[in-house]
Amino acid sequence: MGKAQRDKGKRGEREAVKEAISHWGANPDECRRTSQVDGGLKADIINALPGFHVEVKRRKKIGALRFMDQAWEDSEGECEIPLVLMREDGSQHWYVVFPMTYSMEFANAMWNQFMPGGGE
């Protein structure tokens, strides 16, 4: 990997740290990017969200986001947050994609789904 690609990766990781602090409430003193040494198994950013390994990808184009474009278009005027569920043929794992800015809305909806009445 060339220096320009490594620098772009570092910039993306720094941006992701700021977003994790802003949208996930990560502790700004603890959430940080890690130093990648020979492709080690460390997460790209640590202490962003307890129990999660955060891998950061910043690309010119991400194919899966074309599905988000469709979700945005289809949800227009419905006051709904677009969300994409996807799975590759032959895989058992489903993945969810939605804008990070809606993390709290997603967390609240999940909480209300599993804890009717807000867990009171």
N, C-alpha and C. Protein backbone atom coordinates (compact mmCIF):
# COMPACT_ATOMS: atom_id res chain seq x y z
N MET A 1 0.86 -1.18 0.00
CA MET A 1 0.00 0.00 0.00
C MET A 1 0.90 1.23 0.00
N GLY A 2 0.59 2.18 -0.87
CA GLY A 2 1.39 3.39 -0.99
C GLY A 2 1.12 4.40 0.11
N LYS A 3 2.00 5.38 0.23
CA LYS A 3 1.89 6.39 1.26
C LYS A 3 0.57 7.17 1.15
N ALA A 4 0.16 7.49 -0.07
CA ALA A 4 -1.08 8.25 -0.26
C ALA A 4 -2.28 7.46 0.28
N GLN A 5 -2.30 6.15 0.04
CA GLN A 5 -3.39 5.30 0.53
C GLN A 5 -3.37 5.22 2.06
N ARG A 6 -2.16 5.07 2.62
CA ARG A 6 -2.05 5.02 4.09
C ARG A 6 -2.52 6.34 4.71
N ASP A 7 -2.12 7.45 4.09
CA ASP A 7 -2.53 8.77 4.61
C ASP A 7 -4.05 8.93 4.53
N LYS A 8 -4.64 8.48 3.43
CA LYS A 8 -6.10 8.56 3.28
C LYS A 8 -6.77 7.71 4.37
N GLY A 9 -6.22 6.52 4.63
CA GLY A 9 -6.76 5.66 5.69
C GLY A 9 -6.69 6.33 7.04
N LYS A 10 -5.58 6.98 7.33
CA LYS A 10 -5.42 7.70 8.61
C LYS A 10 -6.45 8.82 8.74
N ARG A 11 -6.63 9.56 7.64
CA ARG A 11 -7.62 10.64 7.66
C ARG A 11 -9.02 10.08 7.93
N GLY A 12 -9.35 8.98 7.25
CA GLY A 12 -10.65 8.36 7.46
C GLY A 12 -10.84 7.90 8.90
N GLU A 13 -9.80 7.33 9.49
CA GLU A 13 -9.87 6.88 10.88
C GLU A 13 -10.06 8.06 11.83
N ARG A 14 -9.34 9.14 11.57
CA ARG A 14 -9.50 10.35 12.41
C ARG A 14 -10.92 10.90 12.31
N GLU A 15 -11.45 10.92 11.09
CA GLU A 15 -12.85 11.37 10.90
C GLU A 15 -13.80 10.45 11.64
N ALA A 16 -13.56 9.14 11.56
CA ALA A 16 -14.43 8.17 12.22
C ALA A 16 -14.41 8.34 13.74
N VAL A 17 -13.25 8.65 14.30
CA VAL A 17 -13.17 8.91 15.74
C VAL A 17 -14.07 10.09 16.11
N LYS A 18 -13.99 11.16 15.35
CA LYS A 18 -14.83 12.33 15.62
C LYS A 18 -16.31 11.98 15.52
N GLU A 19 -16.67 11.17 14.52
CA GLU A 19 -18.07 10.77 14.35
C GLU A 19 -18.53 9.87 15.50
N ALA A 20 -17.67 8.97 15.96
CA ALA A 20 -18.02 8.09 17.08
C ALA A 20 -18.25 8.91 18.35
N ILE A 21 -17.44 9.92 18.55
CA ILE A 21 -17.61 10.80 19.71
C ILE A 21 -18.92 11.56 19.58
N SER A 22 -19.19 12.08 18.39
CA SER A 22 -20.39 12.89 18.16
C SER A 22 -21.68 12.08 18.21
N HIS A 23 -21.71 10.92 17.54
CA HIS A 23 -22.96 10.18 17.38
C HIS A 23 -23.15 9.00 18.30
N TRP A 24 -22.06 8.47 18.85
CA TRP A 24 -22.18 7.32 19.75
C TRP A 24 -21.86 7.68 21.19
N GLY A 25 -21.46 8.92 21.43
CA GLY A 25 -21.14 9.34 22.79
C GLY A 25 -19.85 8.74 23.31
N ALA A 26 -18.94 8.37 22.39
CA ALA A 26 -17.66 7.80 22.81
C ALA A 26 -16.87 8.84 23.62
N ASN A 27 -16.13 8.37 24.59
CA ASN A 27 -15.32 9.24 25.44
C ASN A 27 -14.18 9.82 24.61
N PRO A 28 -14.11 11.15 24.48
CA PRO A 28 -13.07 11.76 23.64
C PRO A 28 -11.65 11.52 24.16
N ASP A 29 -11.51 11.20 25.45
CA ASP A 29 -10.18 10.93 26.00
C ASP A 29 -9.73 9.49 25.75
N GLU A 30 -10.68 8.61 25.38
CA GLU A 30 -10.34 7.20 25.21
C GLU A 30 -10.52 6.69 23.78
N CYS A 31 -11.45 7.27 23.05
CA CYS A 31 -11.70 6.82 21.67
C CYS A 31 -10.58 7.38 20.79
N ARG A 32 -9.87 6.47 20.14
CA ARG A 32 -8.76 6.92 19.30
C ARG A 32 -8.46 5.87 18.23
N ARG A 33 -7.72 6.31 17.22
CA ARG A 33 -7.28 5.38 16.19
C ARG A 33 -6.08 4.62 16.71
N THR A 34 -5.90 3.41 16.22
CA THR A 34 -4.74 2.62 16.63
C THR A 34 -3.67 2.73 15.57
N SER A 35 -2.47 2.40 15.95
CA SER A 35 -1.40 2.38 14.93
C SER A 35 -1.42 0.99 14.31
N GLN A 36 -1.50 0.95 13.02
CA GLN A 36 -1.53 -0.32 12.30
C GLN A 36 -0.10 -0.74 12.00
N VAL A 37 0.27 -1.90 12.51
CA VAL A 37 1.61 -2.42 12.28
C VAL A 37 1.48 -3.74 11.54
N ASP A 38 1.93 -3.77 10.30
CA ASP A 38 1.92 -4.99 9.49
C ASP A 38 0.55 -5.66 9.46
N GLY A 39 -0.51 -4.87 9.36
CA GLY A 39 -1.85 -5.44 9.24
C GLY A 39 -2.27 -6.23 10.46
N GLY A 40 -1.83 -5.80 11.63
CA GLY A 40 -2.19 -6.49 12.87
C GLY A 40 -3.70 -6.60 13.04
N LEU A 41 -4.12 -7.39 13.99
CA LEU A 41 -5.54 -7.65 14.18
C LEU A 41 -6.25 -6.61 15.03
N LYS A 42 -5.63 -5.47 15.27
CA LYS A 42 -6.26 -4.43 16.06
C LYS A 42 -7.38 -3.74 15.28
N ALA A 43 -8.36 -3.28 16.02
CA ALA A 43 -9.41 -2.46 15.41
C ALA A 43 -8.79 -1.16 14.91
N ASP A 44 -9.42 -0.54 13.93
CA ASP A 44 -8.91 0.74 13.43
C ASP A 44 -9.07 1.85 14.45
N ILE A 45 -10.20 1.83 15.16
CA ILE A 45 -10.38 2.76 16.27
C ILE A 45 -10.84 1.95 17.48
N ILE A 46 -10.37 2.35 18.64
CA ILE A 46 -10.70 1.63 19.87
C ILE A 46 -11.50 2.52 20.80
N ASN A 47 -12.23 1.86 21.68
CA ASN A 47 -13.06 2.54 22.68
C ASN A 47 -14.13 3.43 22.06
N ALA A 48 -14.59 3.05 20.89
CA ALA A 48 -15.66 3.79 20.23
C ALA A 48 -17.01 3.34 20.77
N LEU A 49 -17.18 2.04 20.92
CA LEU A 49 -18.44 1.47 21.38
C LEU A 49 -18.09 0.15 22.08
N PRO A 50 -18.38 0.04 23.37
CA PRO A 50 -17.98 -1.17 24.12
C PRO A 50 -18.50 -2.44 23.45
N GLY A 51 -17.59 -3.40 23.31
CA GLY A 51 -17.95 -4.69 22.76
C GLY A 51 -17.93 -4.76 21.24
N PHE A 52 -17.53 -3.69 20.58
CA PHE A 52 -17.51 -3.66 19.11
C PHE A 52 -16.10 -3.46 18.58
N HIS A 53 -15.75 -4.23 17.57
CA HIS A 53 -14.49 -4.07 16.84
C HIS A 53 -14.80 -3.16 15.66
N VAL A 54 -14.22 -2.00 15.62
CA VAL A 54 -14.55 -1.01 14.58
C VAL A 54 -13.48 -0.98 13.51
N GLU A 55 -13.88 -1.35 12.32
CA GLU A 55 -13.03 -1.32 11.13
C GLU A 55 -13.51 -0.13 10.30
N VAL A 56 -12.60 0.71 9.85
CA VAL A 56 -12.97 1.92 9.12
C VAL A 56 -12.58 1.75 7.65
N LYS A 57 -13.51 2.05 6.77
CA LYS A 57 -13.24 2.04 5.33
C LYS A 57 -13.71 3.35 4.75
N ARG A 58 -12.80 4.05 4.11
CA ARG A 58 -13.14 5.28 3.41
C ARG A 58 -12.70 5.09 1.97
N ARG A 59 -13.66 5.08 1.06
CA ARG A 59 -13.39 4.80 -0.35
C ARG A 59 -14.01 5.87 -1.22
N LYS A 60 -13.51 5.95 -2.43
CA LYS A 60 -14.10 6.88 -3.40
C LYS A 60 -15.55 6.49 -3.66
N LYS A 61 -15.80 5.19 -3.84
CA LYS A 61 -17.16 4.69 -4.05
C LYS A 61 -17.30 3.39 -3.27
N ILE A 62 -18.46 3.24 -2.64
CA ILE A 62 -18.78 2.01 -1.93
C ILE A 62 -20.07 1.49 -2.56
N GLY A 63 -19.97 0.34 -3.20
CA GLY A 63 -21.09 -0.20 -3.95
C GLY A 63 -22.38 -0.32 -3.15
N ALA A 64 -22.28 -0.73 -1.90
CA ALA A 64 -23.48 -0.93 -1.08
C ALA A 64 -24.27 0.37 -0.87
N LEU A 65 -23.60 1.49 -1.02
CA LEU A 65 -24.30 2.76 -0.80
C LEU A 65 -25.30 3.07 -1.91
N ARG A 66 -25.20 2.39 -3.04
CA ARG A 66 -26.23 2.57 -4.07
C ARG A 66 -27.57 2.06 -3.54
N PHE A 67 -27.53 1.05 -2.68
CA PHE A 67 -28.76 0.57 -2.04
C PHE A 67 -29.31 1.62 -1.08
N MET A 68 -28.41 2.34 -0.41
CA MET A 68 -28.85 3.43 0.48
C MET A 68 -29.49 4.54 -0.33
N ASP A 69 -28.93 4.83 -1.51
CA ASP A 69 -29.54 5.85 -2.37
C ASP A 69 -30.99 5.48 -2.66
N GLN A 70 -31.22 4.21 -2.97
CA GLN A 70 -32.58 3.75 -3.25
C GLN A 70 -33.46 3.87 -2.01
N ALA A 71 -32.92 3.52 -0.85
CA ALA A 71 -33.70 3.60 0.40
C ALA A 71 -34.08 5.05 0.70
N TRP A 72 -33.14 5.98 0.49
CA TRP A 72 -33.44 7.41 0.69
C TRP A 72 -34.58 7.83 -0.23
N GLU A 73 -34.45 7.44 -1.49
CA GLU A 73 -35.45 7.82 -2.48
C GLU A 73 -36.82 7.25 -2.13
N ASP A 74 -36.85 5.98 -1.76
CA ASP A 74 -38.12 5.31 -1.45
C ASP A 74 -38.75 5.81 -0.16
N SER A 75 -37.94 6.30 0.79
CA SER A 75 -38.48 6.74 2.08
C SER A 75 -38.90 8.21 2.08
N GLU A 76 -38.61 8.92 1.01
CA GLU A 76 -38.91 10.34 0.91
C GLU A 76 -40.39 10.61 1.18
N GLY A 77 -40.65 11.55 2.07
CA GLY A 77 -42.02 11.93 2.38
C GLY A 77 -42.72 11.01 3.37
N GLU A 78 -42.06 9.95 3.82
CA GLU A 78 -42.67 9.02 4.76
C GLU A 78 -42.20 9.23 6.20
N CYS A 79 -41.31 10.20 6.43
CA CYS A 79 -40.77 10.47 7.76
C CYS A 79 -40.15 9.22 8.36
N GLU A 80 -39.52 8.42 7.54
CA GLU A 80 -38.85 7.22 8.00
C GLU A 80 -37.36 7.31 7.71
N ILE A 81 -36.58 6.70 8.58
CA ILE A 81 -35.13 6.66 8.40
C ILE A 81 -34.80 5.50 7.48
N PRO A 82 -34.06 5.75 6.41
CA PRO A 82 -33.71 4.66 5.51
C PRO A 82 -32.71 3.70 6.14
N LEU A 83 -32.92 2.43 5.89
CA LEU A 83 -32.06 1.38 6.43
C LEU A 83 -32.04 0.27 5.41
N VAL A 84 -30.88 -0.31 5.18
CA VAL A 84 -30.74 -1.39 4.21
C VAL A 84 -30.29 -2.65 4.94
N LEU A 85 -31.00 -3.75 4.71
CA LEU A 85 -30.57 -5.07 5.17
C LEU A 85 -30.04 -5.80 3.95
N MET A 86 -28.88 -6.44 4.08
CA MET A 86 -28.34 -7.14 2.93
C MET A 86 -27.61 -8.42 3.36
N ARG A 87 -27.59 -9.37 2.44
CA ARG A 87 -26.93 -10.64 2.67
C ARG A 87 -26.45 -11.16 1.33
N GLU A 88 -25.25 -11.71 1.32
CA GLU A 88 -24.75 -12.34 0.10
C GLU A 88 -25.33 -13.74 -0.02
N ASP A 89 -25.56 -14.19 -1.23
CA ASP A 89 -25.99 -15.56 -1.46
C ASP A 89 -24.94 -16.49 -0.85
N GLY A 90 -25.41 -17.52 -0.17
CA GLY A 90 -24.50 -18.49 0.42
C GLY A 90 -24.02 -18.12 1.81
N SER A 91 -24.35 -16.93 2.28
CA SER A 91 -23.96 -16.51 3.62
C SER A 91 -25.18 -16.54 4.53
N GLN A 92 -24.96 -16.81 5.79
CA GLN A 92 -26.05 -16.78 6.76
C GLN A 92 -26.15 -15.44 7.46
N HIS A 93 -25.14 -14.59 7.28
CA HIS A 93 -25.08 -13.31 7.99
C HIS A 93 -25.79 -12.19 7.23
N TRP A 94 -26.67 -11.52 7.92
CA TRP A 94 -27.32 -10.32 7.40
C TRP A 94 -26.60 -9.10 7.96
N TYR A 95 -26.55 -8.05 7.18
CA TYR A 95 -25.89 -6.81 7.57
C TYR A 95 -26.87 -5.66 7.47
N VAL A 96 -26.70 -4.70 8.34
CA VAL A 96 -27.56 -3.53 8.35
C VAL A 96 -26.71 -2.30 8.05
N VAL A 97 -27.24 -1.43 7.20
CA VAL A 97 -26.56 -0.18 6.84
C VAL A 97 -27.55 0.95 7.00
N PHE A 98 -27.14 1.97 7.73
CA PHE A 98 -27.93 3.19 7.85
C PHE A 98 -26.97 4.32 8.19
N PRO A 99 -27.39 5.58 7.98
CA PRO A 99 -26.49 6.69 8.27
C PRO A 99 -26.15 6.76 9.76
N MET A 100 -24.88 6.94 10.05
CA MET A 100 -24.41 6.98 11.44
C MET A 100 -25.13 8.06 12.25
N THR A 101 -25.54 9.13 11.58
CA THR A 101 -26.22 10.22 12.30
C THR A 101 -27.53 9.76 12.94
N TYR A 102 -28.04 8.60 12.51
CA TYR A 102 -29.28 8.06 13.08
C TYR A 102 -29.03 6.93 14.08
N SER A 103 -27.82 6.85 14.60
CA SER A 103 -27.49 5.78 15.55
C SER A 103 -28.38 5.79 16.78
N MET A 104 -28.63 6.96 17.33
CA MET A 104 -29.46 7.03 18.55
C MET A 104 -30.90 6.64 18.26
N GLU A 105 -31.41 7.07 17.11
CA GLU A 105 -32.77 6.68 16.75
C GLU A 105 -32.86 5.17 16.60
N PHE A 106 -31.84 4.57 15.99
CA PHE A 106 -31.82 3.12 15.84
C PHE A 106 -31.75 2.44 17.21
N ALA A 107 -30.87 2.92 18.07
CA ALA A 107 -30.73 2.33 19.41
C ALA A 107 -32.03 2.47 20.20
N ASN A 108 -32.67 3.62 20.11
CA ASN A 108 -33.94 3.82 20.82
C ASN A 108 -35.04 2.91 20.28
N ALA A 109 -35.09 2.77 18.96
CA ALA A 109 -36.10 1.89 18.36
C ALA A 109 -35.87 0.44 18.79
N MET A 110 -34.60 0.01 18.83
CA MET A 110 -34.29 -1.35 19.28
C MET A 110 -34.66 -1.51 20.76
N TRP A 111 -34.34 -0.53 21.57
CA TRP A 111 -34.67 -0.57 23.00
C TRP A 111 -36.18 -0.71 23.19
N ASN A 112 -36.93 0.11 22.48
CA ASN A 112 -38.39 0.07 22.60
C ASN A 112 -38.96 -1.24 22.06
N GLN A 113 -38.33 -1.81 21.04
CA GLN A 113 -38.78 -3.07 20.47
C GLN A 113 -38.64 -4.21 21.48
N PHE A 114 -37.53 -4.20 22.19
CA PHE A 114 -37.24 -5.30 23.12
C PHE A 114 -37.66 -5.02 24.55
N MET A 115 -37.86 -3.76 24.87
CA MET A 115 -38.24 -3.35 26.22
C MET A 115 -39.49 -2.47 26.14
N PRO A 116 -40.65 -3.06 25.82
CA PRO A 116 -41.86 -2.25 25.70
C PRO A 116 -42.06 -1.37 26.94
N GLY A 117 -42.45 -0.15 26.70
CA GLY A 117 -42.60 0.80 27.80
C GLY A 117 -41.29 1.43 28.22
N GLY A 118 -40.24 1.24 27.42
CA GLY A 118 -38.96 1.85 27.73
C GLY A 118 -38.20 1.17 28.83
N GLY A 119 -38.59 -0.05 29.18
CA GLY A 119 -37.86 -0.79 30.19
C GLY A 119 -38.16 -0.38 31.60
N GLU A 120 -39.25 0.40 31.78
CA GLU A 120 -39.60 0.89 33.12
C GLU A 120 -40.11 -0.22 33.99
